C-alpha atoms as a PDB file:
ATOM      1  CA  MET A   1      24.420   5.236   6.286  1.00  0.00           C
ATOM      2  CA  SER A   2      24.987   4.520   2.606  1.00  0.00           C
ATOM      3  CA  GLN A   3      22.575   5.035  -0.244  1.00  0.00           C
ATOM      4  CA  VAL A   4      19.845   2.377  -0.468  1.00  0.00           C
ATOM      5  CA  LYS A   5      17.339   1.713  -3.273  1.00  0.00           C
ATOM      6  CA  LEU A   6      13.653   1.748  -2.313  1.00  0.00           C
ATOM      7  CA  ASN A   7      12.747  -0.934  -4.859  1.00  0.00           C
ATOM      8  CA  SER A   8      14.892  -3.474  -2.953  1.00  0.00           C
ATOM      9  CA  ASN A   9      14.275  -2.226   0.605  1.00  0.00           C
ATOM     10  CA  PHE A  10      11.326  -0.995   2.604  1.00  0.00           C
ATOM     11  CA  ILE A  11      11.502   1.794   5.182  1.00  0.00           C
ATOM     12  CA  VAL A  12       9.653   1.323   8.455  1.00  0.00           C
ATOM     13  CA  LEU A  13       8.680   4.521  10.275  1.00  0.00           C
ATOM     14  CA  ASP A  14       7.917   3.591  13.870  1.00  0.00           C
ATOM     15  CA  ALA A  15       5.910   5.435  16.528  1.00  0.00           C
ATOM     16  CA  LEU A  16       9.091   7.185  17.712  1.00  0.00           C
ATOM     17  CA  GLN A  17       9.658   8.539  14.169  1.00  0.00           C
ATOM     18  CA  THR A  18      12.704   6.306  13.662  1.00  0.00           C
ATOM     19  CA  ALA A  19      13.280   5.228  10.054  1.00  0.00           C
ATOM     20  CA  THR A  20      14.620   1.695   9.627  1.00  0.00           C
ATOM     21  CA  PRO A  21      15.544   0.276   6.209  1.00  0.00           C
ATOM     22  CA  VAL A  22      14.571  -3.390   5.827  1.00  0.00           C
ATOM     23  CA  PRO A  23      15.838  -5.443   2.850  1.00  0.00           C
ATOM     24  CA  LEU A  24      13.160  -7.258   0.856  1.00  0.00           C
ATOM     25  CA  THR A  25      13.066 -10.989   1.489  1.00  0.00           C
ATOM     26  CA  PRO A  26      10.493 -13.685   0.606  1.00  0.00           C
ATOM     27  CA  ASP A  27       9.193 -13.510   4.210  1.00  0.00           C
ATOM     28  CA  ILE A  28       9.259  -9.699   4.542  1.00  0.00           C
ATOM     29  CA  TYR A  29       5.723  -9.254   5.897  1.00  0.00           C
ATOM     30  CA  GLN A  30       6.104 -11.899   8.630  1.00  0.00           C
ATOM     31  CA  GLU A  31       9.484 -10.401   9.494  1.00  0.00           C
ATOM     32  CA  LEU A  32       7.980  -6.915   9.765  1.00  0.00           C
ATOM     33  CA  ASP A  33       5.172  -8.124  12.070  1.00  0.00           C
ATOM     34  CA  THR A  34       7.658  -9.935  14.318  1.00  0.00           C
ATOM     35  CA  ARG A  35      10.361  -7.281  14.333  1.00  0.00           C
ATOM     36  CA  PHE A  36       8.025  -4.292  14.719  1.00  0.00           C
ATOM     37  CA  GLY A  37       5.366  -5.612  17.138  1.00  0.00           C
ATOM     38  CA  ASN A  38       2.619  -6.397  14.600  1.00  0.00           C
ATOM     39  CA  PHE A  39       3.338  -2.989  13.094  1.00  0.00           C
ATOM     40  CA  SER A  40       1.507  -1.155  15.887  1.00  0.00           C
ATOM     41  CA  GLY A  41       1.994   2.584  15.291  1.00  0.00           C
ATOM     42  CA  CYS A  42       4.278   1.967  12.288  1.00  0.00           C
ATOM     43  CA  PHE A  43       4.128   3.049   8.651  1.00  0.00           C
ATOM     44  CA  LEU A  44       5.678   1.214   5.755  1.00  0.00           C
ATOM     45  CA  VAL A  45       7.262   3.193   2.934  1.00  0.00           C
ATOM     46  CA  ALA A  46       7.603   1.019  -0.177  1.00  0.00           C
ATOM     47  CA  GLU A  47       7.919   1.218  -3.932  1.00  0.00           C
ATOM     48  CA  TYR A  48       6.128  -1.261  -6.154  1.00  0.00           C
ATOM     49  CA  ALA A  49       6.053  -1.691  -9.918  1.00  0.00           C
ATOM     50  CA  PHE A  50       2.980  -3.214 -11.558  1.00  0.00           C
ATOM     51  CA  SER A  51       2.485  -4.569 -15.060  1.00  0.00           C
ATOM     52  CA  ALA A  52      -0.805  -6.298 -14.190  1.00  0.00           C
ATOM     53  CA  ASP A  53      -3.846  -5.623 -12.021  1.00  0.00           C
ATOM     54  CA  TRP A  54      -3.455  -6.157  -8.285  1.00  0.00           C
ATOM     55  CA  PRO A  55      -4.341  -9.780  -7.485  1.00  0.00           C
ATOM     56  CA  SER A  56      -6.490  -8.916  -4.450  1.00  0.00           C
ATOM     57  CA  TRP A  57      -8.117  -6.148  -2.461  1.00  0.00           C
ATOM     58  CA  GLU A  58      -6.676  -4.694   0.767  1.00  0.00           C
ATOM     59  CA  MET A  59      -7.839  -2.567   3.685  1.00  0.00           C
ATOM     60  CA  HIS A  60      -5.983  -0.664   6.445  1.00  0.00           C
ATOM     61  CA  PRO A  61      -8.108  -0.312   9.603  1.00  0.00           C
ATOM     62  CA  HIS A  62      -5.699   1.927  11.569  1.00  0.00           C
ATOM     63  CA  GLY A  63      -4.948   4.826   9.236  1.00  0.00           C
ATOM     64  CA  ASP A  64      -5.069   6.395   5.800  1.00  0.00           C
ATOM     65  CA  GLU A  65      -2.727   5.102   3.098  1.00  0.00           C
ATOM     66  CA  THR A  66      -0.998   7.494   0.687  1.00  0.00           C
ATOM     67  CA  LEU A  67      -0.165   6.366  -2.867  1.00  0.00           C
ATOM     68  CA  TYR A  68       2.185   8.476  -5.002  1.00  0.00           C
ATOM     69  CA  LEU A  69       2.353   7.750  -8.742  1.00  0.00           C
ATOM     70  CA  ILE A  70       5.944   7.721 -10.009  1.00  0.00           C
ATOM     71  CA  ALA A  71       5.202   6.479 -13.554  1.00  0.00           C
ATOM     72  CA  GLY A  72       2.444   4.844 -15.618  1.00  0.00           C
ATOM     73  CA  ALA A  73      -1.290   4.764 -14.978  1.00  0.00           C
ATOM     74  CA  ALA A  74      -3.876   2.796 -13.028  1.00  0.00           C
ATOM     75  CA  SER A  75      -7.509   2.933 -12.085  1.00  0.00           C
ATOM     76  CA  LEU A  76      -7.966   2.737  -8.301  1.00  0.00           C
ATOM     77  CA  HIS A  77     -11.127   1.068  -7.028  1.00  0.00           C
ATOM     78  CA  LEU A  78     -12.330   1.825  -3.487  1.00  0.00           C
ATOM     79  CA  TYR A  79     -15.186   0.315  -1.529  1.00  0.00           C
ATOM     80  CA  ALA A  80     -16.351   1.381   1.933  1.00  0.00           C
ATOM     81  CA  ASP A  81     -19.705   1.565   3.697  1.00  0.00           C
ATOM     82  CA  GLY A  82     -21.485   0.095   0.679  1.00  0.00           C
ATOM     83  CA  LEU A  83     -20.195   2.853  -1.626  1.00  0.00           C
ATOM     84  CA  GLU A  84     -17.884   2.372  -4.575  1.00  0.00           C
ATOM     85  CA  ARG A  85     -15.466   4.956  -5.991  1.00  0.00           C
ATOM     86  CA  GLN A  86     -13.119   4.828  -8.943  1.00  0.00           C
ATOM     87  CA  ILE A  87     -10.144   7.169  -9.221  1.00  0.00           C
ATOM     88  CA  GLU A  88      -8.154   7.529 -12.432  1.00  0.00           C
ATOM     89  CA  PHE A  89      -4.563   7.612 -11.209  1.00  0.00           C
ATOM     90  CA  ASP A  90      -2.754   8.639 -14.383  1.00  0.00           C
ATOM     91  CA  THR A  91      -0.654  11.728 -13.685  1.00  0.00           C
ATOM     92  CA  PRO A  92       2.879  10.930 -12.535  1.00  0.00           C
ATOM     93  CA  GLY A  93       3.779  13.136  -9.586  1.00  0.00           C
ATOM     94  CA  SER A  94       0.236  13.029  -8.163  1.00  0.00           C
ATOM     95  CA  PHE A  95      -0.961  11.272  -5.014  1.00  0.00           C
ATOM     96  CA  VAL A  96      -4.164   9.757  -3.671  1.00  0.00           C
ATOM     97  CA  ILE A  97      -5.111   9.266  -0.031  1.00  0.00           C
ATOM     98  CA  ILE A  98      -7.000   6.031   0.610  1.00  0.00           C
ATOM     99  CA  PRO A  99      -9.195   6.611   3.687  1.00  0.00           C
ATOM    100  CA  LYS A 100      -8.821   4.350   6.708  1.00  0.00           C
ATOM    101  CA  GLY A 101     -11.105   1.315   6.460  1.00  0.00           C
ATOM    102  CA  SER A 102     -11.570   1.535   2.662  1.00  0.00           C
ATOM    103  CA  TRP A 103     -11.103  -1.643   0.684  1.00  0.00           C
ATOM    104  CA  HIS A 104      -9.071  -0.899  -2.446  1.00  0.00           C
ATOM    105  CA  THR A 105      -7.405  -2.438  -5.482  1.00  0.00           C
ATOM    106  CA  ALA A 106      -5.923  -1.235  -8.770  1.00  0.00           C
ATOM    107  CA  LYS A 107      -6.449  -2.050 -12.420  1.00  0.00           C
ATOM    108  CA  VAL A 108      -3.270  -1.256 -14.329  1.00  0.00           C
ATOM    109  CA  LYS A 109      -3.802   0.839 -17.460  1.00  0.00           C
ATOM    110  CA  ALA A 110      -0.074   1.243 -18.292  1.00  0.00           C
ATOM    111  CA  SER A 111       2.805  -0.409 -16.411  1.00  0.00           C
ATOM    112  CA  CYS A 112       3.228   1.745 -13.372  1.00  0.00           C
ATOM    113  CA  THR A 113       5.404   2.410 -10.355  1.00  0.00           C
ATOM    114  CA  MET A 114       3.942   3.715  -7.096  1.00  0.00           C
ATOM    115  CA  LEU A 115       5.289   4.836  -3.750  1.00  0.00           C
ATOM    116  CA  PHE A 116       3.206   3.638  -0.785  1.00  0.00           C
ATOM    117  CA  ILE A 117       3.040   5.082   2.728  1.00  0.00           C
ATOM    118  CA  THR A 118       1.016   2.469   4.537  1.00  0.00           C
ATOM    119  CA  PRO A 119      -0.227   2.151   8.119  1.00  0.00           C
ATOM    120  CA  GLY A 120       0.632  -1.535   8.373  1.00  0.00           C
ATOM    121  CA  GLU A 121      -1.081  -2.599  11.600  1.00  0.00           C
ATOM    122  CA  GLY A 122      -4.029  -4.901  10.947  1.00  0.00           C
ATOM    123  CA  THR A 123      -3.821  -4.782   7.149  1.00  0.00           C
ATOM    124  CA  VAL A 124      -6.288  -7.201   5.593  1.00  0.00           C
ATOM    125  CA  ASN A 125      -6.008  -8.690   2.089  1.00  0.00           C
ATOM    126  CA  GLY A 126      -8.761 -10.634   0.392  1.00  0.00           C
ATOM    127  CA  PRO A 127     -11.166 -11.092  -2.484  1.00  0.00           C
ATOM    128  CA  ASP A 128     -13.477  -8.413  -3.826  1.00  0.00           C
ATOM    129  CA  PRO A 129     -15.396  -7.138  -0.750  1.00  0.00           C
ATOM    130  CA  ARG A 130     -18.481  -6.399  -2.839  1.00  0.00           C
ATOM    131  CA  SER A 131     -18.988 -10.150  -3.323  1.00  0.00           C
ATOM    132  CA  ARG A 132     -19.250 -10.586   0.456  1.00  0.00           C
ATOM    133  CA  ASN A 133     -22.431  -8.509   0.514  1.00  0.00           C
ATOM    134  CA  ALA A 134     -24.178 -10.358  -2.314  1.00  0.00           C
END
């Protein structure tokens, strides 16, 4: 296999520990669900660059997500079981583990790049979960 850039491809790690590079396309998430059986038992390895706050919150019901800070800084906001946490994610080379079932988002403090290792099955995206309990 030739060298591939992570910012233009994802890597899917399946339940058999096979790593499959997948080029980014406009329909990447639908393609991943179809191609990898709704992502059951799979992890997605991806790199994202952010210059603005995340537009929504997300939650992964089937496993912990690991975020690795490559550059920049962000404030991570987590919400689970009625409890809120804020983590200053501002040391490149550090990582944070987002517990399974925790809603989370990020407020960008300085343009940043992160590596994600995400249990993709059942991922939910939506508005601020705190507003659902009001």
